[in-house]
Amino acid sequence: MAEQTNPLIDELCAVIRTAHPSITEGEKWNAPSFRTTEWFATVNLRAKKGTAVILHFGAKKNAISEACVAIDDPEGLLHWLGKDRAQVSFADAAELALRREAFAAVIRQWITHL
């Protein structure tokens, strides 16, 4: 995988990688992506400000695509783009540091649905 040169993206990837021991990193859709049994997160390299990650429930449509999943999100990190995907954005490293644990908690919940 191409080496990241953006420290904010590097930190975002580190939070995802360390959220749970079953998470591995790879490259999918020409971007850093993460999986357990299925791909579930892809860094949005096109974010105009800050950084963002798209969370999804696999590379292909599945049962969750038609249903909706409840994710506890007390800090309002998830911006739902559909029933099966959401975006989490951070304006800068300070915001990511402030919300690191909440983001990791969302990731841990997310992967239970894979």
PDB file of N, CA and C in Angstrom:
ATOM      1  N   MET A   1       0.842  -1.168   0.000  1.00  0.00           N
ATOM      2  CA  MET A   1       0.000   0.000   0.000  1.00  0.00           C
ATOM      3  C   MET A   1       0.888   1.232   0.000  1.00  0.00           C
ATOM      4  N   ALA A   2       0.433   2.280  -0.706  1.00  0.00           N
ATOM      5  CA  ALA A   2       1.190   3.516  -0.774  1.00  0.00           C
ATOM      6  C   ALA A   2       1.301   4.129   0.622  1.00  0.00           C
ATOM      7  N   GLU A   3       2.455   4.674   0.904  1.00  0.00           N
ATOM      8  CA  GLU A   3       2.682   5.258   2.216  1.00  0.00           C
ATOM      9  C   GLU A   3       1.932   6.580   2.339  1.00  0.00           C
ATOM     10  N   GLN A   4       1.276   6.791   3.469  1.00  0.00           N
ATOM     11  CA  GLN A   4       0.522   8.017   3.712  1.00  0.00           C
ATOM     12  C   GLN A   4       1.492   9.141   4.061  1.00  0.00           C
ATOM     13  N   THR A   5       1.188  10.345   3.582  1.00  0.00           N
ATOM     14  CA  THR A   5       2.019  11.493   3.910  1.00  0.00           C
ATOM     15  C   THR A   5       1.252  12.524   4.734  1.00  0.00           C
ATOM     16  N   ASN A   6      -0.015  12.272   4.991  1.00  0.00           N
ATOM     17  CA  ASN A   6      -0.856  13.190   5.743  1.00  0.00           C
ATOM     18  C   ASN A   6      -0.950  12.697   7.184  1.00  0.00           C
ATOM     19  N   PRO A   7      -0.407  13.456   8.140  1.00  0.00           N
ATOM     20  CA  PRO A   7      -0.426  13.002   9.535  1.00  0.00           C
ATOM     21  C   PRO A   7      -1.835  12.775  10.085  1.00  0.00           C
ATOM     22  N   LEU A   8      -2.807  13.560   9.647  1.00  0.00           N
ATOM     23  CA  LEU A   8      -4.178  13.382  10.109  1.00  0.00           C
ATOM     24  C   LEU A   8      -4.744  12.052   9.617  1.00  0.00           C
ATOM     25  N   ILE A   9      -4.483  11.712   8.369  1.00  0.00           N
ATOM     26  CA  ILE A   9      -4.923  10.413   7.836  1.00  0.00           C
ATOM     27  C   ILE A   9      -4.196   9.285   8.552  1.00  0.00           C
ATOM     28  N   ASP A  10      -2.901   9.470   8.795  1.00  0.00           N
ATOM     29  CA  ASP A  10      -2.135   8.450   9.524  1.00  0.00           C
ATOM     30  C   ASP A  10      -2.749   8.181  10.896  1.00  0.00           C
ATOM     31  N   GLU A  11      -3.125   9.245  11.599  1.00  0.00           N
ATOM     32  CA  GLU A  11      -3.703   9.090  12.947  1.00  0.00           C
ATOM     33  C   GLU A  11      -5.085   8.460  12.869  1.00  0.00           C
ATOM     34  N   LEU A  12      -5.889   8.862  11.901  1.00  0.00           N
ATOM     35  CA  LEU A  12      -7.207   8.267  11.703  1.00  0.00           C
ATOM     36  C   LEU A  12      -7.074   6.758  11.485  1.00  0.00           C
ATOM     37  N   CYS A  13      -6.134   6.374  10.630  1.00  0.00           N
ATOM     38  CA  CYS A  13      -5.904   4.943  10.366  1.00  0.00           C
ATOM     39  C   CYS A  13      -5.447   4.217  11.624  1.00  0.00           C
ATOM     40  N   ALA A  14      -4.619   4.862  12.418  1.00  0.00           N
ATOM     41  CA  ALA A  14      -4.141   4.244  13.664  1.00  0.00           C
ATOM     42  C   ALA A  14      -5.299   4.001  14.632  1.00  0.00           C
ATOM     43  N   VAL A  15      -6.231   4.937  14.720  1.00  0.00           N
ATOM     44  CA  VAL A  15      -7.385   4.756  15.607  1.00  0.00           C
ATOM     45  C   VAL A  15      -8.193   3.546  15.155  1.00  0.00           C
ATOM     46  N   ILE A  16      -8.434   3.442  13.859  1.00  0.00           N
ATOM     47  CA  ILE A  16      -9.212   2.304  13.346  1.00  0.00           C
ATOM     48  C   ILE A  16      -8.478   0.992  13.592  1.00  0.00           C
ATOM     49  N   ARG A  17      -7.189   0.940  13.242  1.00  0.00           N
ATOM     50  CA  ARG A  17      -6.396  -0.296  13.396  1.00  0.00           C
ATOM     51  C   ARG A  17      -6.375  -0.793  14.826  1.00  0.00           C
ATOM     52  N   THR A  18      -6.317   0.121  15.780  1.00  0.00           N
ATOM     53  CA  THR A  18      -6.167  -0.271  17.182  1.00  0.00           C
ATOM     54  C   THR A  18      -7.493  -0.383  17.928  1.00  0.00           C
ATOM     55  N   ALA A  19      -8.607  -0.124  17.253  1.00  0.00           N
ATOM     56  CA  ALA A  19      -9.913  -0.204  17.919  1.00  0.00           C
ATOM     57  C   ALA A  19     -10.257  -1.630  18.339  1.00  0.00           C
ATOM     58  N   HIS A  20      -9.768  -2.612  17.579  1.00  0.00           N
ATOM     59  CA  HIS A  20     -10.049  -4.019  17.899  1.00  0.00           C
ATOM     60  C   HIS A  20      -8.965  -4.890  17.260  1.00  0.00           C
ATOM     61  N   PRO A  21      -8.521  -5.950  17.935  1.00  0.00           N
ATOM     62  CA  PRO A  21      -7.444  -6.788  17.402  1.00  0.00           C
ATOM     63  C   PRO A  21      -7.781  -7.513  16.093  1.00  0.00           C
ATOM     64  N   SER A  22      -9.057  -7.664  15.771  1.00  0.00           N
ATOM     65  CA  SER A  22      -9.430  -8.379  14.543  1.00  0.00           C
ATOM     66  C   SER A  22      -9.346  -7.510  13.292  1.00  0.00           C
ATOM     67  N   ILE A  23      -9.088  -6.233  13.454  1.00  0.00           N
ATOM     68  CA  ILE A  23      -9.066  -5.304  12.313  1.00  0.00           C
ATOM     69  C   ILE A  23      -7.712  -5.348  11.616  1.00  0.00           C
ATOM     70  N   THR A  24      -7.771  -5.506  10.294  1.00  0.00           N
ATOM     71  CA  THR A  24      -6.565  -5.443   9.473  1.00  0.00           C
ATOM     72  C   THR A  24      -6.730  -4.347   8.429  1.00  0.00           C
ATOM     73  N   GLU A  25      -5.603  -3.845   7.949  1.00  0.00           N
ATOM     74  CA  GLU A  25      -5.603  -2.764   6.970  1.00  0.00           C
ATOM     75  C   GLU A  25      -5.161  -3.282   5.611  1.00  0.00           C
ATOM     76  N   GLY A  26      -5.723  -2.714   4.587  1.00  0.00           N
ATOM     77  CA  GLY A  26      -5.342  -3.027   3.216  1.00  0.00           C
ATOM     78  C   GLY A  26      -5.679  -1.849   2.336  1.00  0.00           C
ATOM     79  N   GLU A  27      -5.681  -2.088   1.053  1.00  0.00           N
ATOM     80  CA  GLU A  27      -6.063  -1.041   0.123  1.00  0.00           C
ATOM     81  C   GLU A  27      -7.219  -1.538  -0.719  1.00  0.00           C
ATOM     82  N   LYS A  28      -8.285  -0.770  -0.732  1.00  0.00           N
ATOM     83  CA  LYS A  28      -9.471  -1.082  -1.524  1.00  0.00           C
ATOM     84  C   LYS A  28      -9.968   0.246  -2.059  1.00  0.00           C
ATOM     85  N   TRP A  29     -10.410   0.258  -3.279  1.00  0.00           N
ATOM     86  CA  TRP A  29     -10.884   1.492  -3.906  1.00  0.00           C
ATOM     87  C   TRP A  29      -9.799   2.578  -3.891  1.00  0.00           C
ATOM     88  N   ASN A  30      -8.547   2.157  -4.059  1.00  0.00           N
ATOM     89  CA  ASN A  30      -7.392   3.071  -4.102  1.00  0.00           C
ATOM     90  C   ASN A  30      -7.252   3.945  -2.858  1.00  0.00           C
ATOM     91  N   ALA A  31      -7.627   3.402  -1.726  1.00  0.00           N
ATOM     92  CA  ALA A  31      -7.535   4.159  -0.476  1.00  0.00           C
ATOM     93  C   ALA A  31      -7.293   3.194   0.682  1.00  0.00           C
ATOM     94  N   PRO A  32      -6.732   3.690   1.771  1.00  0.00           N
ATOM     95  CA  PRO A  32      -6.587   2.829   2.945  1.00  0.00           C
ATOM     96  C   PRO A  32      -7.971   2.336   3.376  1.00  0.00           C
ATOM     97  N   SER A  33      -8.072   1.028   3.564  1.00  0.00           N
ATOM     98  CA  SER A  33      -9.351   0.406   3.920  1.00  0.00           C
ATOM     99  C   SER A  33      -9.109  -0.629   5.008  1.00  0.00           C
ATOM    100  N   PHE A  34     -10.186  -0.981   5.713  1.00  0.00           N
ATOM    101  CA  PHE A  34     -10.059  -1.845   6.881  1.00  0.00           C
ATOM    102  C   PHE A  34     -11.110  -2.932   6.841  1.00  0.00           C
ATOM    103  N   ARG A  35     -10.750  -4.106   7.394  1.00  0.00           N
ATOM    104  CA  ARG A  35     -11.649  -5.246   7.373  1.00  0.00           C
ATOM    105  C   ARG A  35     -11.474  -6.098   8.614  1.00  0.00           C
ATOM    106  N   THR A  36     -12.504  -6.877   8.870  1.00  0.00           N
ATOM    107  CA  THR A  36     -12.426  -8.014   9.783  1.00  0.00           C
ATOM    108  C   THR A  36     -12.775  -9.194   8.882  1.00  0.00           C
ATOM    109  N   THR A  37     -14.008  -9.666   8.935  1.00  0.00           N
ATOM    110  CA  THR A  37     -14.450 -10.699   7.988  1.00  0.00           C
ATOM    111  C   THR A  37     -14.867 -10.079   6.661  1.00  0.00           C
ATOM    112  N   GLU A  38     -15.196  -8.790   6.672  1.00  0.00           N
ATOM    113  CA  GLU A  38     -15.601  -8.020   5.479  1.00  0.00           C
ATOM    114  C   GLU A  38     -14.938  -6.645   5.552  1.00  0.00           C
ATOM    115  N   TRP A  39     -14.815  -6.008   4.400  1.00  0.00           N
ATOM    116  CA  TRP A  39     -14.384  -4.612   4.377  1.00  0.00           C
ATOM    117  C   TRP A  39     -15.462  -3.784   5.053  1.00  0.00           C
ATOM    118  N   PHE A  40     -15.060  -2.850   5.915  1.00  0.00           N
ATOM    119  CA  PHE A  40     -16.050  -2.040   6.616  1.00  0.00           C
ATOM    120  C   PHE A  40     -15.710  -0.554   6.677  1.00  0.00           C
ATOM    121  N   ALA A  41     -14.515  -0.154   6.346  1.00  0.00           N
ATOM    122  CA  ALA A  41     -14.141   1.260   6.435  1.00  0.00           C
ATOM    123  C   ALA A  41     -13.157   1.612   5.335  1.00  0.00           C
ATOM    124  N   THR A  42     -13.377   2.769   4.734  1.00  0.00           N
ATOM    125  CA  THR A  42     -12.486   3.265   3.691  1.00  0.00           C
ATOM    126  C   THR A  42     -12.247   4.751   3.924  1.00  0.00           C
ATOM    127  N   VAL A  43     -10.985   5.149   3.954  1.00  0.00           N
ATOM    128  CA  VAL A  43     -10.645   6.555   4.145  1.00  0.00           C
ATOM    129  C   VAL A  43     -11.037   7.322   2.882  1.00  0.00           C
ATOM    130  N   ASN A  44     -11.710   8.441   3.089  1.00  0.00           N
ATOM    131  CA  ASN A  44     -12.109   9.297   1.976  1.00  0.00           C
ATOM    132  C   ASN A  44     -10.953  10.249   1.690  1.00  0.00           C
ATOM    133  N   LEU A  45     -10.172   9.931   0.683  1.00  0.00           N
ATOM    134  CA  LEU A  45      -9.004  10.748   0.350  1.00  0.00           C
ATOM    135  C   LEU A  45      -9.384  12.034  -0.371  1.00  0.00           C
ATOM    136  N   ARG A  46     -10.643  12.189  -0.711  1.00  0.00           N
ATOM    137  CA  ARG A  46     -11.097  13.377  -1.446  1.00  0.00           C
ATOM    138  C   ARG A  46     -11.703  14.443  -0.547  1.00  0.00           C
ATOM    139  N   ALA A  47     -11.664  14.249   0.746  1.00  0.00           N
ATOM    140  CA  ALA A  47     -12.229  15.244   1.664  1.00  0.00           C
ATOM    141  C   ALA A  47     -11.529  16.580   1.436  1.00  0.00           C
ATOM    142  N   LYS A  48     -12.312  17.631   1.277  1.00  0.00           N
ATOM    143  CA  LYS A  48     -11.744  18.952   0.989  1.00  0.00           C
ATOM    144  C   LYS A  48     -11.085  19.580   2.213  1.00  0.00           C
ATOM    145  N   LYS A  49     -11.643  19.310   3.401  1.00  0.00           N
ATOM    146  CA  LYS A  49     -11.076  19.821   4.650  1.00  0.00           C
ATOM    147  C   LYS A  49     -10.981  18.666   5.627  1.00  0.00           C
ATOM    148  N   GLY A  50      -9.932  18.644   6.407  1.00  0.00           N
ATOM    149  CA  GLY A  50      -9.787  17.590   7.398  1.00  0.00           C
ATOM    150  C   GLY A  50      -9.663  16.228   6.761  1.00  0.00           C
ATOM    151  N   THR A  51     -10.306  15.259   7.381  1.00  0.00           N
ATOM    152  CA  THR A  51     -10.293  13.896   6.848  1.00  0.00           C
ATOM    153  C   THR A  51     -11.603  13.216   7.205  1.00  0.00           C
ATOM    154  N   ALA A  52     -11.911  12.169   6.448  1.00  0.00           N
ATOM    155  CA  ALA A  52     -13.167  11.454   6.666  1.00  0.00           C
ATOM    156  C   ALA A  52     -12.970   9.984   6.351  1.00  0.00           C
ATOM    157  N   VAL A  53     -13.844   9.181   6.936  1.00  0.00           N
ATOM    158  CA  VAL A  53     -13.856   7.747   6.664  1.00  0.00           C
ATOM    159  C   VAL A  53     -15.299   7.350   6.383  1.00  0.00           C
ATOM    160  N   ILE A  54     -15.465   6.487   5.388  1.00  0.00           N
ATOM    161  CA  ILE A  54     -16.783   5.943   5.080  1.00  0.00           C
ATOM    162  C   ILE A  54     -16.862   4.572   5.744  1.00  0.00           C
ATOM    163  N   LEU A  55     -17.888   4.377   6.572  1.00  0.00           N
ATOM    164  CA  LEU A  55     -18.132   3.088   7.209  1.00  0.00           C
ATOM    165  C   LEU A  55     -19.238   2.388   6.439  1.00  0.00           C
ATOM    166  N   HIS A  56     -19.059   1.107   6.173  1.00  0.00           N
ATOM    167  CA  HIS A  56     -20.038   0.322   5.420  1.00  0.00           C
ATOM    168  C   HIS A  56     -20.024  -1.098   5.940  1.00  0.00           C
ATOM    169  N   PHE A  57     -20.917  -1.934   5.440  1.00  0.00           N
ATOM    170  CA  PHE A  57     -21.036  -3.302   5.943  1.00  0.00           C
ATOM    171  C   PHE A  57     -20.622  -4.328   4.896  1.00  0.00           C
ATOM    172  N   GLY A  58     -19.519  -4.089   4.235  1.00  0.00           N
ATOM    173  CA  GLY A  58     -19.009  -5.019   3.238  1.00  0.00           C
ATOM    174  C   GLY A  58     -18.927  -4.369   1.870  1.00  0.00           C
ATOM    175  N   ALA A  59     -18.170  -5.003   0.990  1.00  0.00           N
ATOM    176  CA  ALA A  59     -17.956  -4.470  -0.356  1.00  0.00           C
ATOM    177  C   ALA A  59     -19.163  -4.688  -1.259  1.00  0.00           C
ATOM    178  N   LYS A  60     -20.033  -5.609  -0.888  1.00  0.00           N
ATOM    179  CA  LYS A  60     -21.212  -5.921  -1.709  1.00  0.00           C
ATOM    180  C   LYS A  60     -22.471  -5.719  -0.888  1.00  0.00           C
ATOM    181  N   LYS A  61     -23.588  -5.541  -1.588  1.00  0.00           N
ATOM    182  CA  LYS A  61     -24.885  -5.426  -0.907  1.00  0.00           C
ATOM    183  C   LYS A  61     -25.141  -6.708  -0.113  1.00  0.00           C
ATOM    184  N   ASN A  62     -25.771  -6.553   1.035  1.00  0.00           N
ATOM    185  CA  ASN A  62     -26.086  -7.700   1.879  1.00  0.00           C
ATOM    186  C   ASN A  62     -27.370  -7.398   2.648  1.00  0.00           C
ATOM    187  N   ALA A  63     -27.721  -8.217   3.608  1.00  0.00           N
ATOM    188  CA  ALA A  63     -28.972  -8.051   4.356  1.00  0.00           C
ATOM    189  C   ALA A  63     -29.040  -6.692   5.049  1.00  0.00           C
ATOM    190  N   ILE A  64     -27.917  -6.180   5.517  1.00  0.00           N
ATOM    191  CA  ILE A  64     -27.907  -4.895   6.204  1.00  0.00           C
ATOM    192  C   ILE A  64     -28.239  -3.760   5.233  1.00  0.00           C
ATOM    193  N   SER A  65     -27.951  -3.947   3.952  1.00  0.00           N
ATOM    194  CA  SER A  65     -28.236  -2.917   2.960  1.00  0.00           C
ATOM    195  C   SER A  65     -29.706  -2.541   2.931  1.00  0.00           C
ATOM    196  N   GLU A  66     -30.574  -3.480   3.269  1.00  0.00           N
ATOM    197  CA  GLU A  66     -32.019  -3.232   3.255  1.00  0.00           C
ATOM    198  C   GLU A  66     -32.571  -2.906   4.639  1.00  0.00           C
ATOM    199  N   ALA A  67     -31.825  -3.236   5.654  1.00  0.00           N
ATOM    200  CA  ALA A  67     -32.249  -2.974   7.034  1.00  0.00           C
ATOM    201  C   ALA A  67     -31.473  -1.766   7.553  1.00  0.00           C
ATOM    202  N   CYS A  68     -31.707  -1.440   8.767  1.00  0.00           N
ATOM    203  CA  CYS A  68     -30.949  -0.359   9.396  1.00  0.00           C
ATOM    204  C   CYS A  68     -30.362  -0.909  10.694  1.00  0.00           C
ATOM    205  N   VAL A  69     -29.185  -0.498  11.016  1.00  0.00           N
ATOM    206  CA  VAL A  69     -28.500  -0.976  12.208  1.00  0.00           C
ATOM    207  C   VAL A  69     -28.436   0.154  13.225  1.00  0.00           C
ATOM    208  N   ALA A  70     -28.669  -0.169  14.468  1.00  0.00           N
ATOM    209  CA  ALA A  70     -28.571   0.823  15.536  1.00  0.00           C
ATOM    210  C   ALA A  70     -27.149   0.844  16.077  1.00  0.00           C
ATOM    211  N   ILE A  71     -26.532   2.005  16.008  1.00  0.00           N
ATOM    212  CA  ILE A  71     -25.187   2.203  16.554  1.00  0.00           C
ATOM    213  C   ILE A  71     -25.293   3.309  17.596  1.00  0.00           C
ATOM    214  N   ASP A  72     -24.850   3.029  18.814  1.00  0.00           N
ATOM    215  CA  ASP A  72     -24.848   4.038  19.863  1.00  0.00           C
ATOM    216  C   ASP A  72     -23.794   5.088  19.499  1.00  0.00           C
ATOM    217  N   ASP A  73     -24.223   6.323  19.329  1.00  0.00           N
ATOM    218  CA  ASP A  73     -23.350   7.396  18.862  1.00  0.00           C
ATOM    219  C   ASP A  73     -23.622   8.674  19.659  1.00  0.00           C
ATOM    220  N   PRO A  74     -23.283   8.685  20.957  1.00  0.00           N
ATOM    221  CA  PRO A  74     -23.628   9.824  21.803  1.00  0.00           C
ATOM    222  C   PRO A  74     -22.982  11.145  21.378  1.00  0.00           C
ATOM    223  N   GLU A  75     -21.871  11.096  20.662  1.00  0.00           N
ATOM    224  CA  GLU A  75     -21.218  12.338  20.231  1.00  0.00           C
ATOM    225  C   GLU A  75     -21.646  12.771  18.831  1.00  0.00           C
ATOM    226  N   GLY A  76     -22.549  12.015  18.208  1.00  0.00           N
ATOM    227  CA  GLY A  76     -23.047  12.400  16.889  1.00  0.00           C
ATOM    228  C   GLY A  76     -21.991  12.366  15.798  1.00  0.00           C
ATOM    229  N   LEU A  77     -21.108  11.389  15.858  1.00  0.00           N
ATOM    230  CA  LEU A  77     -20.045  11.282  14.851  1.00  0.00           C
ATOM    231  C   LEU A  77     -20.562  10.810  13.491  1.00  0.00           C
ATOM    232  N   LEU A  78     -21.576   9.965  13.493  1.00  0.00           N
ATOM    233  CA  LEU A  78     -22.048   9.338  12.255  1.00  0.00           C
ATOM    234  C   LEU A  78     -22.971  10.261  11.466  1.00  0.00           C
ATOM    235  N   HIS A  79     -22.616  10.469  10.217  1.00  0.00           N
ATOM    236  CA  HIS A  79     -23.497  11.150   9.269  1.00  0.00           C
ATOM    237  C   HIS A  79     -23.952  10.062   8.298  1.00  0.00           C
ATOM    238  N   TRP A  80     -25.185   9.594   8.463  1.00  0.00           N
ATOM    239  CA  TRP A  80     -25.676   8.462   7.676  1.00  0.00           C
ATOM    240  C   TRP A  80     -25.888   8.876   6.225  1.00  0.00           C
ATOM    241  N   LEU A  81     -25.300   8.110   5.308  1.00  0.00           N
ATOM    242  CA  LEU A  81     -25.402   8.346   3.871  1.00  0.00           C
ATOM    243  C   LEU A  81     -26.418   7.404   3.234  1.00  0.00           C
ATOM    244  N   GLY A  82     -26.877   6.427   3.981  1.00  0.00           N
ATOM    245  CA  GLY A  82     -27.830   5.416   3.548  1.00  0.00           C
ATOM    246  C   GLY A  82     -28.044   4.465   4.704  1.00  0.00           C
ATOM    247  N   LYS A  83     -28.848   3.419   4.484  1.00  0.00           N
ATOM    248  CA  LYS A  83     -29.105   2.448   5.557  1.00  0.00           C
ATOM    249  C   LYS A  83     -27.869   1.641   5.911  1.00  0.00           C
ATOM    250  N   ASP A  84     -26.942   1.534   4.964  1.00  0.00           N
ATOM    251  CA  ASP A  84     -25.790   0.653   5.165  1.00  0.00           C
ATOM    252  C   ASP A  84     -24.439   1.365   5.158  1.00  0.00           C
ATOM    253  N   ARG A  85     -24.442   2.686   5.234  1.00  0.00           N
ATOM    254  CA  ARG A  85     -23.161   3.388   5.247  1.00  0.00           C
ATOM    255  C   ARG A  85     -23.297   4.756   5.919  1.00  0.00           C
ATOM    256  N   ALA A  86     -22.187   5.168   6.514  1.00  0.00           N
ATOM    257  CA  ALA A  86     -22.139   6.456   7.201  1.00  0.00           C
ATOM    258  C   ALA A  86     -20.745   7.043   7.029  1.00  0.00           C
ATOM    259  N   GLN A  87     -20.659   8.333   7.196  1.00  0.00           N
ATOM    260  CA  GLN A  87     -19.369   9.017   7.132  1.00  0.00           C
ATOM    261  C   GLN A  87     -19.066   9.626   8.487  1.00  0.00           C
ATOM    262  N   VAL A  88     -17.792   9.549   8.868  1.00  0.00           N
ATOM    263  CA  VAL A  88     -17.300  10.214  10.070  1.00  0.00           C
ATOM    264  C   VAL A  88     -16.204  11.163   9.612  1.00  0.00           C
ATOM    265  N   SER A  89     -16.331  12.429   9.973  1.00  0.00           N
ATOM    266  CA  SER A  89     -15.366  13.447   9.536  1.00  0.00           C
ATOM    267  C   SER A  89     -14.732  14.125  10.742  1.00  0.00           C
ATOM    268  N   PHE A  90     -13.485  14.522  10.560  1.00  0.00           N
ATOM    269  CA  PHE A  90     -12.755  15.271  11.576  1.00  0.00           C
ATOM    270  C   PHE A  90     -12.103  16.467  10.899  1.00  0.00           C
ATOM    271  N   ALA A  91     -12.293  17.646  11.449  1.00  0.00           N
ATOM    272  CA  ALA A  91     -11.766  18.878  10.850  1.00  0.00           C
ATOM    273  C   ALA A  91     -10.247  18.951  10.940  1.00  0.00           C
ATOM    274  N   ASP A  92      -9.709  18.425  12.043  1.00  0.00           N
ATOM    275  CA  ASP A  92      -8.265  18.529  12.243  1.00  0.00           C
ATOM    276  C   ASP A  92      -7.823  17.520  13.304  1.00  0.00           C
ATOM    277  N   ALA A  93      -6.524  17.503  13.565  1.00  0.00           N
ATOM    278  CA  ALA A  93      -5.961  16.553  14.528  1.00  0.00           C
ATOM    279  C   ALA A  93      -6.494  16.781  15.936  1.00  0.00           C
ATOM    280  N   ALA A  94      -6.762  18.021  16.285  1.00  0.00           N
ATOM    281  CA  ALA A  94      -7.283  18.316  17.626  1.00  0.00           C
ATOM    282  C   ALA A  94      -8.661  17.696  17.815  1.00  0.00           C
ATOM    283  N   GLU A  95      -9.523  17.793  16.806  1.00  0.00           N
ATOM    284  CA  GLU A  95     -10.853  17.184  16.921  1.00  0.00           C
ATOM    285  C   GLU A  95     -10.750  15.666  16.992  1.00  0.00           C
ATOM    286  N   LEU A  96      -9.868  15.084  16.176  1.00  0.00           N
ATOM    287  CA  LEU A  96      -9.685  13.630  16.217  1.00  0.00           C
ATOM    288  C   LEU A  96      -9.187  13.195  17.585  1.00  0.00           C
ATOM    289  N   ALA A  97      -8.243  13.923  18.155  1.00  0.00           N
ATOM    290  CA  ALA A  97      -7.729  13.583  19.491  1.00  0.00           C
ATOM    291  C   ALA A  97      -8.830  13.676  20.545  1.00  0.00           C
ATOM    292  N   LEU A  98      -9.665  14.690  20.440  1.00  0.00           N
ATOM    293  CA  LEU A  98     -10.750  14.890  21.393  1.00  0.00           C
ATOM    294  C   LEU A  98     -11.799  13.785  21.307  1.00  0.00           C
ATOM    295  N   ARG A  99     -12.042  13.282  20.110  1.00  0.00           N
ATOM    296  CA  ARG A  99     -13.100  12.296  19.890  1.00  0.00           C
ATOM    297  C   ARG A  99     -12.569  10.887  19.613  1.00  0.00           C
ATOM    298  N   ARG A 100     -11.310  10.682  19.862  1.00  0.00           N
ATOM    299  CA  ARG A 100     -10.658   9.405  19.571  1.00  0.00           C
ATOM    300  C   ARG A 100     -11.388   8.211  20.196  1.00  0.00           C
ATOM    301  N   GLU A 101     -11.664   8.282  21.487  1.00  0.00           N
ATOM    302  CA  GLU A 101     -12.306   7.153  22.171  1.00  0.00           C
ATOM    303  C   GLU A 101     -13.730   6.926  21.680  1.00  0.00           C
ATOM    304  N   ALA A 102     -14.469   8.007  21.427  1.00  0.00           N
ATOM    305  CA  ALA A 102     -15.836   7.866  20.903  1.00  0.00           C
ATOM    306  C   ALA A 102     -15.806   7.222  19.520  1.00  0.00           C
ATOM    307  N   PHE A 103     -14.845   7.611  18.696  1.00  0.00           N
ATOM    308  CA  PHE A 103     -14.705   7.035  17.358  1.00  0.00           C
ATOM    309  C   PHE A 103     -14.345   5.556  17.448  1.00  0.00           C
ATOM    310  N   ALA A 104     -13.407   5.204  18.305  1.00  0.00           N
ATOM    311  CA  ALA A 104     -13.028   3.801  18.487  1.00  0.00           C
ATOM    312  C   ALA A 104     -14.221   2.978  18.967  1.00  0.00           C
ATOM    313  N   ALA A 105     -15.047   3.548  19.849  1.00  0.00           N
ATOM    314  CA  ALA A 105     -16.242   2.846  20.336  1.00  0.00           C
ATOM    315  C   ALA A 105     -17.226   2.600  19.197  1.00  0.00           C
ATOM    316  N   VAL A 106     -17.395   3.581  18.307  1.00  0.00           N
ATOM    317  CA  VAL A 106     -18.270   3.404  17.142  1.00  0.00           C
ATOM    318  C   VAL A 106     -17.724   2.282  16.255  1.00  0.00           C
ATOM    319  N   ILE A 107     -16.425   2.267  16.030  1.00  0.00           N
ATOM    320  CA  ILE A 107     -15.804   1.215  15.203  1.00  0.00           C
ATOM    321  C   ILE A 107     -16.055  -0.158  15.822  1.00  0.00           C
ATOM    322  N   ARG A 108     -15.857  -0.279  17.120  1.00  0.00           N
ATOM    323  CA  ARG A 108     -16.064  -1.578  17.781  1.00  0.00           C
ATOM    324  C   ARG A 108     -17.518  -2.041  17.649  1.00  0.00           C
ATOM    325  N   GLN A 109     -18.459  -1.132  17.756  1.00  0.00           N
ATOM    326  CA  GLN A 109     -19.868  -1.496  17.559  1.00  0.00           C
ATOM    327  C   GLN A 109     -20.125  -1.889  16.108  1.00  0.00           C
ATOM    328  N   TRP A 110     -19.576  -1.111  15.189  1.00  0.00           N
ATOM    329  CA  TRP A 110     -19.803  -1.312  13.759  1.00  0.00           C
ATOM    330  C   TRP A 110     -19.404  -2.725  13.343  1.00  0.00           C
ATOM    331  N   ILE A 111     -18.234  -3.157  13.784  1.00  0.00           N
ATOM    332  CA  ILE A 111     -17.727  -4.449  13.323  1.00  0.00           C
ATOM    333  C   ILE A 111     -18.517  -5.637  13.887  1.00  0.00           C
ATOM    334  N   THR A 112     -19.311  -5.405  14.932  1.00  0.00           N
ATOM    335  CA  THR A 112     -20.128  -6.517  15.454  1.00  0.00           C
ATOM    336  C   THR A 112     -21.228  -6.902  14.474  1.00  0.00           C
ATOM    337  N   HIS A 113     -21.520  -6.065  13.500  1.00  0.00           N
ATOM    338  CA  HIS A 113     -22.575  -6.327  12.531  1.00  0.00           C
ATOM    339  C   HIS A 113     -22.078  -6.976  11.238  1.00  0.00           C
ATOM    340  N   LEU A 114     -20.784  -7.231  11.162  1.00  0.00           N
ATOM    341  CA  LEU A 114     -20.217  -7.817   9.942  1.00  0.00           C
ATOM    342  C   LEU A 114     -20.403  -9.323   9.934  1.00  0.00           C
TER     343      LEU A 114
END
